[in-house]
């Protein structure tokens, strides 16, 4: 009886412990005129300019709203709005509109795939 009780208790406890979630896939966005790309992962916000130069800063905590989210670091501000976006080059449809402000300049594009 003690063995059955121990197994039952172990089974119940195992059901209460949930494994940690898998890390989210990096978020990516891109724009044109000029071409740029952006990657947000757990550690960095990486902005890649048309000339392939890279600006990378630690990923800040996002401010989440009903419309999307905003990431604000010292030099990069990313505003993600959950609204369909067409990139204008390939007519690919993305789930988000993305605005990236870098060193005082604004760039618009699409992201979320």
C-alpha atoms as a PDB file:
ATOM      1  CA  UNK A   1       0.000   0.000   0.000  1.00  0.00           C
ATOM      2  CA  UNK A   2       2.866   2.390   0.822  1.00  0.00           C
ATOM      3  CA  UNK A   3       4.419   1.721  -2.586  1.00  0.00           C
ATOM      4  CA  UNK A   4       1.132   2.472  -4.408  1.00  0.00           C
ATOM      5  CA  UNK A   5       0.715   5.670  -2.380  1.00  0.00           C
ATOM      6  CA  UNK A   6       4.279   6.738  -3.164  1.00  0.00           C
ATOM      7  CA  UNK A   7       3.776   6.118  -6.883  1.00  0.00           C
ATOM      8  CA  UNK A   8       0.475   7.981  -6.849  1.00  0.00           C
ATOM      9  CA  UNK A   9       2.068  10.927  -5.029  1.00  0.00           C
ATOM     10  CA  UNK A  10       5.016  10.960  -7.455  1.00  0.00           C
ATOM     11  CA  UNK A  11       2.606  10.952 -10.394  1.00  0.00           C
ATOM     12  CA  UNK A  12       0.603  13.836  -8.956  1.00  0.00           C
ATOM     13  CA  UNK A  13       3.730  15.875  -8.270  1.00  0.00           C
ATOM     14  CA  UNK A  14       5.049  15.216 -11.762  1.00  0.00           C
ATOM     15  CA  UNK A  15       1.816  16.666 -13.167  1.00  0.00           C
ATOM     16  CA  UNK A  16       2.308  19.852 -11.121  1.00  0.00           C
ATOM     17  CA  UNK A  17       5.821  20.521 -12.349  1.00  0.00           C
ATOM     18  CA  UNK A  18       5.818  21.960 -15.820  1.00  0.00           C
ATOM     19  CA  UNK A  19       8.987  22.152 -17.867  1.00  0.00           C
ATOM     20  CA  UNK A  20      10.229  25.631 -18.763  1.00  0.00           C
ATOM     21  CA  UNK A  21       8.971  26.918 -22.102  1.00  0.00           C
ATOM     22  CA  UNK A  22      11.236  26.749 -25.105  1.00  0.00           C
ATOM     23  CA  UNK A  23      12.978  30.022 -25.856  1.00  0.00           C
ATOM     24  CA  UNK A  24      11.065  32.099 -28.392  1.00  0.00           C
ATOM     25  CA  UNK A  25      12.348  32.210 -31.929  1.00  0.00           C
ATOM     26  CA  UNK A  26      14.122  35.434 -32.811  1.00  0.00           C
ATOM     27  CA  UNK A  27      11.825  38.152 -34.120  1.00  0.00           C
ATOM     28  CA  UNK A  28      12.876  39.533 -37.468  1.00  0.00           C
ATOM     29  CA  UNK A  29      11.843  42.542 -39.504  1.00  0.00           C
ATOM     30  CA  UNK A  30      13.031  44.220 -42.677  1.00  0.00           C
ATOM     31  CA  UNK A  31      12.481  47.313 -44.715  1.00  0.00           C
ATOM     32  CA  UNK A  32      13.500  48.930 -47.958  1.00  0.00           C
ATOM     33  CA  UNK A  33      14.525  52.363 -49.182  1.00  0.00           C
ATOM     34  CA  UNK A  34      17.076  52.022 -47.699  1.00  0.00           C
ATOM     35  CA  UNK A  35      17.282  48.281 -47.078  1.00  0.00           C
ATOM     36  CA  UNK A  36      17.632  47.289 -43.447  1.00  0.00           C
ATOM     37  CA  UNK A  37      16.941  44.294 -41.236  1.00  0.00           C
ATOM     38  CA  UNK A  38      16.346  43.760 -37.556  1.00  0.00           C
ATOM     39  CA  UNK A  39      16.616  40.768 -35.240  1.00  0.00           C
ATOM     40  CA  UNK A  40      15.352  40.744 -31.666  1.00  0.00           C
ATOM     41  CA  UNK A  41      16.320  37.771 -29.534  1.00  0.00           C
ATOM     42  CA  UNK A  42      16.652  37.138 -25.809  1.00  0.00           C
ATOM     43  CA  UNK A  43      20.001  38.900 -25.635  1.00  0.00           C
ATOM     44  CA  UNK A  44      20.249  41.534 -28.355  1.00  0.00           C
ATOM     45  CA  UNK A  45      18.422  43.921 -30.635  1.00  0.00           C
ATOM     46  CA  UNK A  46      20.478  43.887 -33.830  1.00  0.00           C
ATOM     47  CA  UNK A  47      19.921  46.482 -36.561  1.00  0.00           C
ATOM     48  CA  UNK A  48      21.688  45.844 -39.872  1.00  0.00           C
ATOM     49  CA  UNK A  49      21.982  48.839 -42.176  1.00  0.00           C
ATOM     50  CA  UNK A  50      21.942  48.826 -45.977  1.00  0.00           C
ATOM     51  CA  UNK A  51      25.753  48.976 -45.997  1.00  0.00           C
ATOM     52  CA  UNK A  52      25.787  45.844 -43.772  1.00  0.00           C
ATOM     53  CA  UNK A  53      27.123  47.739 -40.758  1.00  0.00           C
ATOM     54  CA  UNK A  54      25.639  46.437 -37.527  1.00  0.00           C
ATOM     55  CA  UNK A  55      24.317  48.177 -34.441  1.00  0.00           C
ATOM     56  CA  UNK A  56      23.710  45.769 -31.540  1.00  0.00           C
ATOM     57  CA  UNK A  57      22.377  46.586 -28.089  1.00  0.00           C
ATOM     58  CA  UNK A  58      21.128  44.473 -25.174  1.00  0.00           C
ATOM     59  CA  UNK A  59      17.454  43.551 -25.508  1.00  0.00           C
ATOM     60  CA  UNK A  60      15.375  45.740 -23.189  1.00  0.00           C
ATOM     61  CA  UNK A  61      12.126  44.611 -21.579  1.00  0.00           C
ATOM     62  CA  UNK A  62       9.354  45.316 -24.077  1.00  0.00           C
ATOM     63  CA  UNK A  63       6.426  47.563 -23.277  1.00  0.00           C
ATOM     64  CA  UNK A  64       3.396  45.505 -24.318  1.00  0.00           C
ATOM     65  CA  UNK A  65       0.168  47.164 -25.463  1.00  0.00           C
ATOM     66  CA  UNK A  66      -3.014  45.892 -27.087  1.00  0.00           C
ATOM     67  CA  UNK A  67      -1.676  47.033 -30.468  1.00  0.00           C
ATOM     68  CA  UNK A  68       1.820  45.548 -30.190  1.00  0.00           C
ATOM     69  CA  UNK A  69       5.049  46.202 -28.342  1.00  0.00           C
ATOM     70  CA  UNK A  70       7.921  48.668 -28.070  1.00  0.00           C
ATOM     71  CA  UNK A  71      11.583  48.005 -27.311  1.00  0.00           C
ATOM     72  CA  UNK A  72      13.596  51.049 -26.213  1.00  0.00           C
ATOM     73  CA  UNK A  73      17.373  50.914 -25.879  1.00  0.00           C
ATOM     74  CA  UNK A  74      19.752  53.885 -25.823  1.00  0.00           C
ATOM     75  CA  UNK A  75      20.161  54.052 -29.625  1.00  0.00           C
ATOM     76  CA  UNK A  76      17.384  51.822 -31.003  1.00  0.00           C
ATOM     77  CA  UNK A  77      13.629  52.101 -30.544  1.00  0.00           C
ATOM     78  CA  UNK A  78      11.508  49.382 -32.158  1.00  0.00           C
ATOM     79  CA  UNK A  79       7.737  49.806 -32.380  1.00  0.00           C
ATOM     80  CA  UNK A  80       5.848  46.700 -33.484  1.00  0.00           C
ATOM     81  CA  UNK A  81       2.188  47.115 -34.418  1.00  0.00           C
ATOM     82  CA  UNK A  82       0.111  43.994 -34.998  1.00  0.00           C
ATOM     83  CA  UNK A  83      -1.388  44.910 -38.380  1.00  0.00           C
ATOM     84  CA  UNK A  84      -0.868  43.329 -41.790  1.00  0.00           C
ATOM     85  CA  UNK A  85       2.044  44.714 -43.730  1.00  0.00           C
ATOM     86  CA  UNK A  86       3.178  44.236 -47.341  1.00  0.00           C
ATOM     87  CA  UNK A  87       6.846  44.787 -47.959  1.00  0.00           C
ATOM     88  CA  UNK A  88       6.328  46.565 -51.314  1.00  0.00           C
ATOM     89  CA  UNK A  89       9.136  44.653 -52.988  1.00  0.00           C
ATOM     90  CA  UNK A  90       7.841  41.079 -53.081  1.00  0.00           C
ATOM     91  CA  UNK A  91       4.263  41.782 -51.953  1.00  0.00           C
ATOM     92  CA  UNK A  92       4.844  39.279 -49.168  1.00  0.00           C
ATOM     93  CA  UNK A  93       2.363  39.749 -46.326  1.00  0.00           C
ATOM     94  CA  UNK A  94       3.728  40.020 -42.781  1.00  0.00           C
ATOM     95  CA  UNK A  95       1.705  40.037 -39.560  1.00  0.00           C
ATOM     96  CA  UNK A  96       3.304  43.228 -38.190  1.00  0.00           C
ATOM     97  CA  UNK A  97       4.202  46.779 -39.141  1.00  0.00           C
ATOM     98  CA  UNK A  98       7.555  47.774 -37.705  1.00  0.00           C
ATOM     99  CA  UNK A  99       9.104  51.182 -37.160  1.00  0.00           C
ATOM    100  CA  UNK A 100      12.742  51.385 -36.142  1.00  0.00           C
ATOM    101  CA  UNK A 101      14.218  54.643 -34.882  1.00  0.00           C
ATOM    102  CA  UNK A 102      18.010  54.571 -34.920  1.00  0.00           C
ATOM    103  CA  UNK A 103      20.024  57.569 -33.769  1.00  0.00           C
ATOM    104  CA  UNK A 104      17.106  59.884 -34.531  1.00  0.00           C
ATOM    105  CA  UNK A 105      16.243  58.489 -37.990  1.00  0.00           C
ATOM    106  CA  UNK A 106      13.025  56.530 -38.598  1.00  0.00           C
ATOM    107  CA  UNK A 107      12.740  53.459 -40.824  1.00  0.00           C
ATOM    108  CA  UNK A 108       9.499  51.639 -41.617  1.00  0.00           C
ATOM    109  CA  UNK A 109       9.077  48.026 -42.606  1.00  0.00           C
ATOM    110  CA  UNK A 110       7.399  44.712 -41.891  1.00  0.00           C
ATOM    111  CA  UNK A 111       8.105  41.860 -39.534  1.00  0.00           C
ATOM    112  CA  UNK A 112       6.961  38.869 -37.635  1.00  0.00           C
ATOM    113  CA  UNK A 113       7.892  35.852 -39.748  1.00  0.00           C
END
